[in-house]
C-alpha atoms as a PDB file:
ATOM      1  CA  MET A   1     130.862 -29.209 -17.915  1.00  0.00           C
ATOM      2  CA  ARG A   2     127.739 -27.262 -17.127  1.00  0.00           C
ATOM      3  CA  LEU A   3     126.237 -24.530 -19.242  1.00  0.00           C
ATOM      4  CA  VAL A   4     125.073 -21.508 -17.357  1.00  0.00           C
ATOM      5  CA  ARG A   5     122.228 -19.437 -18.699  1.00  0.00           C
ATOM      6  CA  GLY A   6     122.504 -15.746 -18.806  1.00  0.00           C
ATOM      7  CA  ALA A   7     120.476 -13.879 -16.215  1.00  0.00           C
ATOM      8  CA  GLY A   8     118.424 -12.118 -18.921  1.00  0.00           C
ATOM      9  CA  GLU A   9     117.154 -15.355 -20.508  1.00  0.00           C
ATOM     10  CA  ALA A  10     115.264 -16.771 -17.518  1.00  0.00           C
ATOM     11  CA  GLY A  11     111.537 -16.860 -18.341  1.00  0.00           C
ATOM     12  CA  GLN A  12     111.981 -15.644 -21.910  1.00  0.00           C
ATOM     13  CA  ALA A  13     109.683 -18.343 -23.328  1.00  0.00           C
ATOM     14  CA  SER A  14     106.917 -17.359 -20.912  1.00  0.00           C
ATOM     15  CA  VAL A  15     107.189 -13.720 -21.905  1.00  0.00           C
ATOM     16  CA  GLU A  16     107.028 -14.621 -25.603  1.00  0.00           C
ATOM     17  CA  LEU A  17     103.994 -16.830 -25.029  1.00  0.00           C
ATOM     18  CA  VAL A  18     102.158 -14.081 -23.182  1.00  0.00           C
ATOM     19  CA  ALA A  19     103.049 -11.580 -25.908  1.00  0.00           C
ATOM     20  CA  LEU A  20     101.838 -13.842 -28.730  1.00  0.00           C
ATOM     21  CA  ALA A  21      98.625 -15.089 -27.075  1.00  0.00           C
ATOM     22  CA  PRO A  22      96.485 -12.064 -28.148  1.00  0.00           C
ATOM     23  CA  LEU A  23      97.760 -12.372 -31.718  1.00  0.00           C
ATOM     24  CA  VAL A  24      96.923 -16.079 -31.839  1.00  0.00           C
ATOM     25  CA  ALA A  25      93.468 -15.373 -30.393  1.00  0.00           C
ATOM     26  CA  LEU A  26      92.867 -12.667 -33.015  1.00  0.00           C
ATOM     27  CA  VAL A  27      93.863 -14.999 -35.856  1.00  0.00           C
ATOM     28  CA  VAL A  28      91.568 -17.749 -34.551  1.00  0.00           C
ATOM     29  CA  LEU A  29      88.618 -15.349 -34.127  1.00  0.00           C
ATOM     30  CA  SER A  30      89.188 -13.894 -37.611  1.00  0.00           C
ATOM     31  CA  ALA A  31      89.196 -17.355 -39.169  1.00  0.00           C
ATOM     32  CA  ALA A  32      86.015 -18.267 -37.295  1.00  0.00           C
ATOM     33  CA  GLN A  33      84.325 -15.064 -38.475  1.00  0.00           C
ATOM     34  CA  LEU A  34      85.270 -15.747 -42.094  1.00  0.00           C
ATOM     35  CA  LEU A  35      83.861 -19.266 -41.802  1.00  0.00           C
ATOM     36  CA  ALA A  36      80.629 -17.866 -40.345  1.00  0.00           C
ATOM     37  CA  ALA A  37      80.373 -15.386 -43.220  1.00  0.00           C
ATOM     38  CA  GLY A  38      80.869 -18.194 -45.757  1.00  0.00           C
ATOM     39  CA  ALA A  39      78.203 -20.297 -44.070  1.00  0.00           C
ATOM     40  CA  ALA A  40      75.801 -17.346 -44.129  1.00  0.00           C
ATOM     41  CA  ARG A  41      76.429 -16.909 -47.845  1.00  0.00           C
ATOM     42  CA  GLU A  42      75.618 -20.563 -48.536  1.00  0.00           C
ATOM     43  CA  LEU A  43      72.528 -20.480 -46.342  1.00  0.00           C
ATOM     44  CA  ALA A  44      71.241 -17.315 -48.011  1.00  0.00           C
ATOM     45  CA  GLY A  45      71.547 -19.000 -51.402  1.00  0.00           C
ATOM     46  CA  HIS A  46      69.673 -22.084 -50.208  1.00  0.00           C
ATOM     47  CA  ALA A  47      66.931 -19.936 -48.687  1.00  0.00           C
ATOM     48  CA  ALA A  48      66.511 -17.893 -51.874  1.00  0.00           C
ATOM     49  CA  GLU A  49      66.252 -21.034 -54.005  1.00  0.00           C
ATOM     50  CA  ALA A  50      63.730 -22.592 -51.615  1.00  0.00           C
ATOM     51  CA  ALA A  51      61.620 -19.447 -51.744  1.00  0.00           C
ATOM     52  CA  ALA A  52      61.695 -19.419 -55.561  1.00  0.00           C
ATOM     53  CA  VAL A  53      60.606 -23.056 -55.669  1.00  0.00           C
ATOM     54  CA  ALA A  54      57.779 -22.218 -53.256  1.00  0.00           C
ATOM     55  CA  LEU A  55      56.651 -19.456 -55.624  1.00  0.00           C
ATOM     56  CA  LEU A  56      56.499 -21.991 -58.450  1.00  0.00           C
ATOM     57  CA  GLN A  57      54.396 -24.294 -56.275  1.00  0.00           C
ATOM     58  CA  ASP A  58      52.069 -21.499 -55.104  1.00  0.00           C
ATOM     59  CA  ALA A  59      53.302 -21.920 -51.512  1.00  0.00           C
ATOM     60  CA  ASP A  60      54.481 -19.327 -49.002  1.00  0.00           C
ATOM     61  CA  PRO A  61      57.999 -18.262 -50.111  1.00  0.00           C
ATOM     62  CA  ARG A  62      58.908 -16.636 -46.792  1.00  0.00           C
ATOM     63  CA  ALA A  63      58.052 -19.778 -44.858  1.00  0.00           C
ATOM     64  CA  ALA A  64      60.007 -21.897 -47.354  1.00  0.00           C
ATOM     65  CA  ALA A  65      63.061 -19.641 -46.991  1.00  0.00           C
ATOM     66  CA  ARG A  66      62.890 -19.831 -43.199  1.00  0.00           C
ATOM     67  CA  ASP A  67      62.469 -23.611 -43.284  1.00  0.00           C
ATOM     68  CA  ALA A  68      65.567 -23.924 -45.503  1.00  0.00           C
ATOM     69  CA  VAL A  69      67.951 -22.569 -42.857  1.00  0.00           C
ATOM     70  CA  PRO A  70      68.871 -23.762 -39.354  1.00  0.00           C
ATOM     71  CA  GLY A  71      67.140 -22.230 -36.355  1.00  0.00           C
ATOM     72  CA  TRP A  72      70.017 -19.965 -35.277  1.00  0.00           C
ATOM     73  CA  SER A  73      69.942 -18.077 -38.560  1.00  0.00           C
ATOM     74  CA  ARG A  74      66.184 -17.492 -38.885  1.00  0.00           C
ATOM     75  CA  ASP A  75      66.212 -14.387 -36.710  1.00  0.00           C
ATOM     76  CA  ARG A  76      69.120 -12.964 -38.719  1.00  0.00           C
ATOM     77  CA  MET A  77      67.426 -13.340 -42.120  1.00  0.00           C
ATOM     78  CA  SER A  78      65.178 -11.052 -44.130  1.00  0.00           C
ATOM     79  CA  VAL A  79      63.282 -12.102 -47.259  1.00  0.00           C
ATOM     80  CA  ALA A  80      62.023  -9.687 -49.922  1.00  0.00           C
ATOM     81  CA  ILE A  81      59.774 -10.716 -52.799  1.00  0.00           C
ATOM     82  CA  ALA A  82      59.246  -8.615 -55.909  1.00  0.00           C
ATOM     83  CA  GLY A  83      57.073 -10.384 -58.445  1.00  0.00           C
ATOM     84  CA  ARG A  84      58.819 -13.697 -59.127  1.00  0.00           C
ATOM     85  CA  LYS A  85      62.182 -12.612 -57.739  1.00  0.00           C
ATOM     86  CA  VAL A  86      63.303 -13.392 -54.214  1.00  0.00           C
ATOM     87  CA  SER A  87      66.082 -11.607 -52.327  1.00  0.00           C
ATOM     88  CA  VAL A  88      67.465 -12.971 -49.076  1.00  0.00           C
ATOM     89  CA  ARG A  89      69.795 -11.165 -46.686  1.00  0.00           C
ATOM     90  CA  LEU A  90      71.446 -13.052 -43.846  1.00  0.00           C
ATOM     91  CA  ARG A  91      73.740 -11.649 -41.161  1.00  0.00           C
ATOM     92  CA  PRO A  92      76.370 -14.106 -39.924  1.00  0.00           C
ATOM     93  CA  ALA A  93      76.850 -14.829 -36.251  1.00  0.00           C
ATOM     94  CA  SER A  94      79.363 -12.386 -34.827  1.00  0.00           C
ATOM     95  CA  PRO A  95      80.378 -11.004 -31.443  1.00  0.00           C
ATOM     96  CA  LEU A  96      80.444  -7.524 -33.012  1.00  0.00           C
ATOM     97  CA  PRO A  97      77.151  -6.346 -34.589  1.00  0.00           C
ATOM     98  CA  LEU A  98      78.941  -3.875 -36.872  1.00  0.00           C
ATOM     99  CA  LEU A  99      81.103  -6.672 -38.252  1.00  0.00           C
ATOM    100  CA  ALA A 100      78.010  -8.813 -38.876  1.00  0.00           C
ATOM    101  CA  ASP A 101      76.473  -5.929 -40.841  1.00  0.00           C
ATOM    102  CA  LEU A 102      79.612  -5.600 -42.968  1.00  0.00           C
ATOM    103  CA  LEU A 103      79.724  -9.336 -43.720  1.00  0.00           C
ATOM    104  CA  GLU A 104      76.005  -9.645 -44.485  1.00  0.00           C
ATOM    105  CA  ALA A 105      75.289 -12.237 -47.181  1.00  0.00           C
ATOM    106  CA  ARG A 106      72.858 -11.530 -50.004  1.00  0.00           C
ATOM    107  CA  ALA A 107      71.380 -13.958 -52.482  1.00  0.00           C
ATOM    108  CA  GLN A 108      68.737 -13.741 -55.182  1.00  0.00           C
ATOM    109  CA  ALA A 109      66.689 -16.313 -57.016  1.00  0.00           C
ATOM    110  CA  ASP A 110      64.213 -16.000 -59.852  1.00  0.00           C
ATOM    111  CA  ALA A 111      61.168 -18.226 -60.250  1.00  0.00           C
ATOM    112  CA  GLY A 112      61.055 -17.450 -63.958  1.00  0.00           C
ATOM    113  CA  PRO A 113      58.528 -15.533 -66.053  1.00  0.00           C
ATOM    114  CA  GLU A 114      54.857 -15.378 -65.164  1.00  0.00           C
ATOM    115  CA  SER A 115      52.888 -18.235 -66.666  1.00  0.00           C
ATOM    116  CA  PRO A 116      50.256 -17.212 -69.240  1.00  0.00           C
END
């Protein structure tokens, strides 16, 4: 006995695959963007701490912050120093600049009170 497929079912799997491909791509890109934002948050924290340590050692805090992150993120980082406090902002890698601005990571570190 042979089963005969209905005429409407031929190629159904291909149609479903084509229909779901954009959704799968969107989920993968969203996960990658969230991972990039998390990495930027960690790197901003490391950079802020490195800059605060540099302040304690009378070294250049901006250079220390830039040395604390990988090369790809140096152009995406800004460092602000107010007294003994350091603020670092880092934009994650993103194909959409607006999305990178929304997911910008910020970190602060304090080198402590001024020594007498």
